[in-house]
Amino acid sequence: MVPFKLKLIPGESIFDQVCFAATKSILAGELKAGEPFPSVRTLALDLKIHPNTAHKVVQHLIQERWLVAQPGVGTVVAQPPKARAGDRKRALLAGYQAHLAKPFDVAELVLVAADLAKR
């Protein structure tokens, strides 16, 4: 069973959507350090994606240090890495753009954020 929710958006990269959902659940604390991450087979079956895509997702998350492969144990969630400059901005932009039909510019995002901050 996959421990995060994902509703695939047609026309968007499945790989990017799954990576974003997994990373988001780690940052939100839904997946804690040391907990097992679903196997490639489980990920592919539960999300109804191609096993090669699931394998690519797991390898990418290992490379980005979100997951750790432990021989004899499996893949587990790593301690979240320290944020790098610009990570928060990129995550916010990726999250907002994933839910919009058309891309937007940063100036528009700043205006919306300022308006929300006033409320």
Foldseek 3Di string as FASTA:
>chain_A
DAQWDFDDDPPDDPLVRVLLGVVVCDVVVSADFPAAGDDLVVVCVVVVHDSVSSVVNLVVCVVVQQWDQDPPPGIGGHHDDDDDPCPVVVSVQVVVVVPDPDHDDVVVVVVVVVVVVVD
